[in-house]
Amino acid sequence: MPGSTFDTADLVSWPTAKLARWWLLFAVVYGASVMTTATLRDAGVIALAGFALTVPPVALLAAVDITTKQLPRIISYTTFAIALPLLSLDPQASGDGRWSATRGATLMLAITASIRLLGRGALGRGDLHFSPLLGAVAGWFGAREVVASWLATALLGGFVAILIVLSGHSRRTRFAYGPLLLLGLCTSLLVAGG
């Protein structure tokens, strides 16, 4: 077309670039916290593979949630189905540790379901489907990390809610909770898990 210019930036739409930036941030933060803590806890090769396999999809879920306020179940379920056996069957896990990922997933799901039920829409269905995956990761380290993860998530959620109200928005303004679930997990691993 005469007079028009071609800009290579047109090849990548703004939402895609924004999603990629968020994905990279979450992948680095989550990957560093989970792999560092797992290494400090002498995780076996199978568990380390399980943790490593969760990094790209978990970061993608958080990035998608922050940009679209949706958490695709198919990604949560598929990642959970792959990670849980790897985290549960690690031969380095001793006795009780073999079931701790399963217990963590169950505990995280129970906490999330209770908050969703009592919170009158505070959490969405995507958060409910995302929580067992994060619970399995936290649970591998122990029940303390699962509970600490939710406490950190609640504090982060409260902080974000205060910022929303202070910025002039309504108390009913919805925000993505998936990234806060992930950051709560990272916080618990770095603080309680180290």
C-alpha atoms as a PDB file:
ATOM      1  CA  MET A   1       0.000   0.000   0.000  1.00  0.00           C
ATOM      2  CA  PRO A   2       1.541   3.342  -0.988  1.00  0.00           C
ATOM      3  CA  GLY A   3       2.522   5.595   1.884  1.00  0.00           C
ATOM      4  CA  SER A   4       2.135   2.928   4.564  1.00  0.00           C
ATOM      5  CA  THR A   5       4.974   1.692   6.689  1.00  0.00           C
ATOM      6  CA  PHE A   6       5.545  -1.788   7.989  1.00  0.00           C
ATOM      7  CA  ASP A   7       6.460  -2.081  11.619  1.00  0.00           C
ATOM      8  CA  THR A   8       7.804  -5.389  12.909  1.00  0.00           C
ATOM      9  CA  ALA A   9       6.091  -4.643  16.216  1.00  0.00           C
ATOM     10  CA  ASP A  10       2.802  -5.318  14.419  1.00  0.00           C
ATOM     11  CA  LEU A  11       3.768  -8.990  14.213  1.00  0.00           C
ATOM     12  CA  VAL A  12       3.414  -9.407  17.972  1.00  0.00           C
ATOM     13  CA  SER A  13       0.203  -8.086  19.416  1.00  0.00           C
ATOM     14  CA  TRP A  14       0.319  -6.192  22.689  1.00  0.00           C
ATOM     15  CA  PRO A  15      -1.653  -8.816  24.675  1.00  0.00           C
ATOM     16  CA  THR A  16       0.723 -11.547  23.504  1.00  0.00           C
ATOM     17  CA  ALA A  17       3.773  -9.498  24.464  1.00  0.00           C
ATOM     18  CA  LYS A  18       2.210  -8.679  27.832  1.00  0.00           C
ATOM     19  CA  LEU A  19       1.442 -12.359  28.425  1.00  0.00           C
ATOM     20  CA  ALA A  20       5.017 -13.304  27.524  1.00  0.00           C
ATOM     21  CA  ARG A  21       6.479 -10.769  29.968  1.00  0.00           C
ATOM     22  CA  TRP A  22       4.273 -12.015  32.800  1.00  0.00           C
ATOM     23  CA  TRP A  23       5.090 -15.642  31.929  1.00  0.00           C
ATOM     24  CA  LEU A  24       8.808 -14.939  32.057  1.00  0.00           C
ATOM     25  CA  LEU A  25       8.508 -13.162  35.414  1.00  0.00           C
ATOM     26  CA  PHE A  26       6.444 -15.961  36.975  1.00  0.00           C
ATOM     27  CA  ALA A  27       8.676 -18.675  35.471  1.00  0.00           C
ATOM     28  CA  VAL A  28      11.793 -17.102  36.965  1.00  0.00           C
ATOM     29  CA  VAL A  29      10.276 -16.453  40.407  1.00  0.00           C
ATOM     30  CA  TYR A  30       8.511 -19.810  40.713  1.00  0.00           C
ATOM     31  CA  GLY A  31      11.296 -21.812  39.081  1.00  0.00           C
ATOM     32  CA  ALA A  32      13.979 -20.276  41.265  1.00  0.00           C
ATOM     33  CA  SER A  33      12.049 -20.716  44.504  1.00  0.00           C
ATOM     34  CA  VAL A  34      10.884 -24.295  43.925  1.00  0.00           C
ATOM     35  CA  MET A  35      14.125 -25.618  42.438  1.00  0.00           C
ATOM     36  CA  THR A  36      16.305 -23.924  45.067  1.00  0.00           C
ATOM     37  CA  THR A  37      14.197 -25.209  47.942  1.00  0.00           C
ATOM     38  CA  ALA A  38      13.973 -28.713  46.423  1.00  0.00           C
ATOM     39  CA  THR A  39      17.737 -28.820  45.995  1.00  0.00           C
ATOM     40  CA  LEU A  40      18.283 -27.676  49.589  1.00  0.00           C
ATOM     41  CA  ARG A  41      15.926 -30.447  50.736  1.00  0.00           C
ATOM     42  CA  ASP A  42      17.872 -33.069  48.745  1.00  0.00           C
ATOM     43  CA  ALA A  43      15.041 -33.938  46.381  1.00  0.00           C
ATOM     44  CA  GLY A  44      15.653 -36.923  44.149  1.00  0.00           C
ATOM     45  CA  VAL A  45      15.962 -36.774  40.392  1.00  0.00           C
ATOM     46  CA  ILE A  46      12.335 -37.851  39.877  1.00  0.00           C
ATOM     47  CA  ALA A  47      10.980 -35.120  42.177  1.00  0.00           C
ATOM     48  CA  LEU A  48      13.274 -32.526  40.596  1.00  0.00           C
ATOM     49  CA  ALA A  49      11.901 -33.555  37.193  1.00  0.00           C
ATOM     50  CA  GLY A  50       8.374 -33.173  38.573  1.00  0.00           C
ATOM     51  CA  PHE A  51       9.150 -29.709  39.891  1.00  0.00           C
ATOM     52  CA  ALA A  52      10.881 -28.666  36.657  1.00  0.00           C
ATOM     53  CA  LEU A  53       7.955 -29.886  34.551  1.00  0.00           C
ATOM     54  CA  THR A  54       5.557 -27.700  36.533  1.00  0.00           C
ATOM     55  CA  VAL A  55       7.459 -24.453  35.908  1.00  0.00           C
ATOM     56  CA  PRO A  56       6.312 -23.573  32.342  1.00  0.00           C
ATOM     57  CA  PRO A  57       2.597 -24.435  32.768  1.00  0.00           C
ATOM     58  CA  VAL A  58       2.293 -22.944  36.267  1.00  0.00           C
ATOM     59  CA  ALA A  59       3.903 -19.718  35.063  1.00  0.00           C
ATOM     60  CA  LEU A  60       1.606 -19.767  32.021  1.00  0.00           C
ATOM     61  CA  LEU A  61      -1.471 -20.190  34.226  1.00  0.00           C
ATOM     62  CA  ALA A  62      -0.477 -17.214  36.384  1.00  0.00           C
ATOM     63  CA  ALA A  63       0.292 -15.094  33.311  1.00  0.00           C
ATOM     64  CA  VAL A  64      -2.992 -16.012  31.611  1.00  0.00           C
ATOM     65  CA  ASP A  65      -4.919 -15.264  34.808  1.00  0.00           C
ATOM     66  CA  ILE A  66      -3.328 -11.856  35.286  1.00  0.00           C
ATOM     67  CA  THR A  67      -4.049 -10.878  31.663  1.00  0.00           C
ATOM     68  CA  THR A  68      -7.492 -12.493  31.162  1.00  0.00           C
ATOM     69  CA  LYS A  69      -8.751 -13.337  34.688  1.00  0.00           C
ATOM     70  CA  GLN A  70      -9.191 -16.957  33.613  1.00  0.00           C
ATOM     71  CA  LEU A  71      -7.372 -20.145  34.602  1.00  0.00           C
ATOM     72  CA  PRO A  72      -7.776 -22.843  31.936  1.00  0.00           C
ATOM     73  CA  ARG A  73      -8.630 -26.141  33.646  1.00  0.00           C
ATOM     74  CA  ILE A  74      -7.018 -28.250  30.953  1.00  0.00           C
ATOM     75  CA  ILE A  75      -3.587 -26.841  31.798  1.00  0.00           C
ATOM     76  CA  SER A  76      -4.118 -27.232  35.552  1.00  0.00           C
ATOM     77  CA  TYR A  77      -5.401 -30.804  35.268  1.00  0.00           C
ATOM     78  CA  THR A  78      -2.802 -31.987  32.763  1.00  0.00           C
ATOM     79  CA  THR A  79       0.094 -30.560  34.748  1.00  0.00           C
ATOM     80  CA  PHE A  80      -1.304 -32.008  37.974  1.00  0.00           C
ATOM     81  CA  ALA A  81      -1.707 -35.445  36.348  1.00  0.00           C
ATOM     82  CA  ILE A  82       1.940 -35.417  35.262  1.00  0.00           C
ATOM     83  CA  ALA A  83       3.479 -33.826  38.365  1.00  0.00           C
ATOM     84  CA  LEU A  84       1.680 -35.730  41.136  1.00  0.00           C
ATOM     85  CA  PRO A  85       3.096 -39.178  40.287  1.00  0.00           C
ATOM     86  CA  LEU A  86       6.600 -37.760  39.880  1.00  0.00           C
ATOM     87  CA  LEU A  87       6.427 -35.943  43.212  1.00  0.00           C
ATOM     88  CA  SER A  88       4.791 -38.891  44.980  1.00  0.00           C
ATOM     89  CA  LEU A  89       7.017 -41.652  43.634  1.00  0.00           C
ATOM     90  CA  ASP A  90      10.405 -40.090  44.260  1.00  0.00           C
ATOM     91  CA  PRO A  91      12.523 -42.868  45.823  1.00  0.00           C
ATOM     92  CA  GLN A  92      14.398 -40.228  47.833  1.00  0.00           C
ATOM     93  CA  ALA A  93      11.174 -39.433  49.686  1.00  0.00           C
ATOM     94  CA  SER A  94      11.146 -41.489  52.840  1.00  0.00           C
ATOM     95  CA  GLY A  95       8.107 -43.310  54.197  1.00  0.00           C
ATOM     96  CA  ASP A  96       5.642 -40.539  54.919  1.00  0.00           C
ATOM     97  CA  GLY A  97       7.134 -38.260  52.280  1.00  0.00           C
ATOM     98  CA  ARG A  98       5.859 -40.458  49.466  1.00  0.00           C
ATOM     99  CA  TRP A  99       2.288 -39.375  50.123  1.00  0.00           C
ATOM    100  CA  SER A 100       2.951 -35.789  51.133  1.00  0.00           C
ATOM    101  CA  ALA A 101       2.345 -34.389  47.618  1.00  0.00           C
ATOM    102  CA  THR A 102      -1.057 -36.095  47.545  1.00  0.00           C
ATOM    103  CA  ARG A 103      -1.879 -34.857  51.032  1.00  0.00           C
ATOM    104  CA  GLY A 104      -0.737 -31.360  50.100  1.00  0.00           C
ATOM    105  CA  ALA A 105      -2.973 -31.342  47.022  1.00  0.00           C
ATOM    106  CA  THR A 106      -5.913 -32.541  49.116  1.00  0.00           C
ATOM    107  CA  LEU A 107      -5.278 -30.009  51.888  1.00  0.00           C
ATOM    108  CA  MET A 108      -4.867 -27.112  49.447  1.00  0.00           C
ATOM    109  CA  LEU A 109      -8.056 -28.118  47.624  1.00  0.00           C
ATOM    110  CA  ALA A 110      -9.961 -28.348  50.930  1.00  0.00           C
ATOM    111  CA  ILE A 111      -8.764 -24.905  52.040  1.00  0.00           C
ATOM    112  CA  THR A 112      -9.558 -23.361  48.647  1.00  0.00           C
ATOM    113  CA  ALA A 113     -12.992 -25.012  48.466  1.00  0.00           C
ATOM    114  CA  SER A 114     -13.820 -23.759  51.976  1.00  0.00           C
ATOM    115  CA  ILE A 115     -12.775 -20.212  51.130  1.00  0.00           C
ATOM    116  CA  ARG A 116     -14.687 -20.361  47.838  1.00  0.00           C
ATOM    117  CA  LEU A 117     -17.794 -21.619  49.632  1.00  0.00           C
ATOM    118  CA  LEU A 118     -17.618 -19.136  52.513  1.00  0.00           C
ATOM    119  CA  GLY A 119     -16.111 -16.237  50.566  1.00  0.00           C
ATOM    120  CA  ARG A 120     -19.174 -15.501  48.423  1.00  0.00           C
ATOM    121  CA  GLY A 121     -17.357 -15.461  45.121  1.00  0.00           C
ATOM    122  CA  ALA A 122     -13.968 -14.355  46.415  1.00  0.00           C
ATOM    123  CA  LEU A 123     -12.326 -17.170  44.465  1.00  0.00           C
ATOM    124  CA  GLY A 124     -13.241 -18.395  41.021  1.00  0.00           C
ATOM    125  CA  ARG A 125     -13.520 -21.951  39.748  1.00  0.00           C
ATOM    126  CA  GLY A 126     -10.145 -21.618  38.054  1.00  0.00           C
ATOM    127  CA  ASP A 127      -8.522 -20.910  41.424  1.00  0.00           C
ATOM    128  CA  LEU A 128     -10.191 -24.041  42.773  1.00  0.00           C
ATOM    129  CA  HIS A 129      -8.789 -26.115  39.893  1.00  0.00           C
ATOM    130  CA  PHE A 130      -5.312 -24.537  40.169  1.00  0.00           C
ATOM    131  CA  SER A 131      -4.952 -25.128  43.909  1.00  0.00           C
ATOM    132  CA  PRO A 132      -4.334 -28.925  43.943  1.00  0.00           C
ATOM    133  CA  LEU A 133      -1.385 -28.478  41.600  1.00  0.00           C
ATOM    134  CA  LEU A 134       0.173 -25.875  43.873  1.00  0.00           C
ATOM    135  CA  GLY A 135      -0.777 -27.983  46.900  1.00  0.00           C
ATOM    136  CA  ALA A 136       1.067 -30.996  45.480  1.00  0.00           C
ATOM    137  CA  VAL A 137       4.199 -28.899  45.067  1.00  0.00           C
ATOM    138  CA  ALA A 138       3.919 -27.365  48.546  1.00  0.00           C
ATOM    139  CA  GLY A 139       2.889 -30.703  50.049  1.00  0.00           C
ATOM    140  CA  TRP A 140       6.057 -32.415  48.873  1.00  0.00           C
ATOM    141  CA  PHE A 141       7.879 -30.159  51.311  1.00  0.00           C
ATOM    142  CA  GLY A 142       5.303 -30.657  54.078  1.00  0.00           C
ATOM    143  CA  ALA A 143       1.972 -29.575  55.537  1.00  0.00           C
ATOM    144  CA  ARG A 144       3.631 -26.506  57.044  1.00  0.00           C
ATOM    145  CA  GLU A 145       4.401 -25.199  53.556  1.00  0.00           C
ATOM    146  CA  VAL A 146       0.815 -25.782  52.396  1.00  0.00           C
ATOM    147  CA  VAL A 147      -0.608 -23.772  55.298  1.00  0.00           C
ATOM    148  CA  ALA A 148       2.128 -21.127  55.000  1.00  0.00           C
ATOM    149  CA  SER A 149       1.341 -20.867  51.291  1.00  0.00           C
ATOM    150  CA  TRP A 150      -2.301 -20.026  51.992  1.00  0.00           C
ATOM    151  CA  LEU A 151      -1.400 -17.598  54.765  1.00  0.00           C
ATOM    152  CA  ALA A 152       1.011 -15.782  52.449  1.00  0.00           C
ATOM    153  CA  THR A 153      -1.635 -15.808  49.699  1.00  0.00           C
ATOM    154  CA  ALA A 154      -4.224 -14.305  52.059  1.00  0.00           C
ATOM    155  CA  LEU A 155      -1.798 -11.559  53.111  1.00  0.00           C
ATOM    156  CA  LEU A 156      -0.934 -10.788  49.488  1.00  0.00           C
ATOM    157  CA  GLY A 157      -4.640 -10.768  48.565  1.00  0.00           C
ATOM    158  CA  GLY A 158      -5.400  -8.378  51.410  1.00  0.00           C
ATOM    159  CA  PHE A 159      -2.564  -6.108  50.329  1.00  0.00           C
ATOM    160  CA  VAL A 160      -3.808  -6.061  46.717  1.00  0.00           C
ATOM    161  CA  ALA A 161      -7.375  -5.386  47.908  1.00  0.00           C
ATOM    162  CA  ILE A 162      -6.169  -2.420  49.983  1.00  0.00           C
ATOM    163  CA  LEU A 163      -4.280  -1.045  46.976  1.00  0.00           C
ATOM    164  CA  ILE A 164      -7.403  -1.409  44.830  1.00  0.00           C
ATOM    165  CA  VAL A 165      -9.566   0.487  47.338  1.00  0.00           C
ATOM    166  CA  LEU A 166      -6.902   3.180  47.859  1.00  0.00           C
ATOM    167  CA  SER A 167      -6.717   3.696  44.100  1.00  0.00           C
ATOM    168  CA  GLY A 168     -10.401   4.644  44.088  1.00  0.00           C
ATOM    169  CA  HIS A 169     -11.925   1.391  42.864  1.00  0.00           C
ATOM    170  CA  SER A 170     -14.814  -0.423  44.496  1.00  0.00           C
ATOM    171  CA  ARG A 171     -14.305  -3.097  47.146  1.00  0.00           C
ATOM    172  CA  ARG A 172     -16.113  -5.411  44.742  1.00  0.00           C
ATOM    173  CA  THR A 173     -13.473  -4.956  42.027  1.00  0.00           C
ATOM    174  CA  ARG A 174     -12.335  -8.397  40.877  1.00  0.00           C
ATOM    175  CA  PHE A 175      -8.691  -9.243  40.457  1.00  0.00           C
ATOM    176  CA  ALA A 176      -6.733 -12.312  39.414  1.00  0.00           C
ATOM    177  CA  TYR A 177      -6.062 -14.548  42.410  1.00  0.00           C
ATOM    178  CA  GLY A 178      -4.049 -17.242  40.581  1.00  0.00           C
ATOM    179  CA  PRO A 179      -0.842 -15.191  40.575  1.00  0.00           C
ATOM    180  CA  LEU A 180      -1.313 -14.555  44.298  1.00  0.00           C
ATOM    181  CA  LEU A 181      -1.701 -18.298  44.901  1.00  0.00           C
ATOM    182  CA  LEU A 182       1.575 -18.817  43.055  1.00  0.00           C
ATOM    183  CA  LEU A 183       3.395 -15.994  44.852  1.00  0.00           C
ATOM    184  CA  GLY A 184       2.059 -17.294  48.188  1.00  0.00           C
ATOM    185  CA  LEU A 185       3.564 -20.684  47.367  1.00  0.00           C
ATOM    186  CA  CYS A 186       6.895 -19.113  46.407  1.00  0.00           C
ATOM    187  CA  THR A 187       6.926 -17.092  49.625  1.00  0.00           C
ATOM    188  CA  SER A 188       6.200 -20.151  51.763  1.00  0.00           C
ATOM    189  CA  LEU A 189       8.938 -22.156  50.054  1.00  0.00           C
ATOM    190  CA  LEU A 190      11.532 -19.440  50.461  1.00  0.00           C
ATOM    191  CA  VAL A 191      10.584 -18.539  54.049  1.00  0.00           C
ATOM    192  CA  ALA A 192       9.338 -21.756  55.657  1.00  0.00           C
ATOM    193  CA  GLY A 193      10.917 -24.237  53.307  1.00  0.00           C
ATOM    194  CA  GLY A 194      14.548 -23.229  53.279  1.00  0.00           C
END
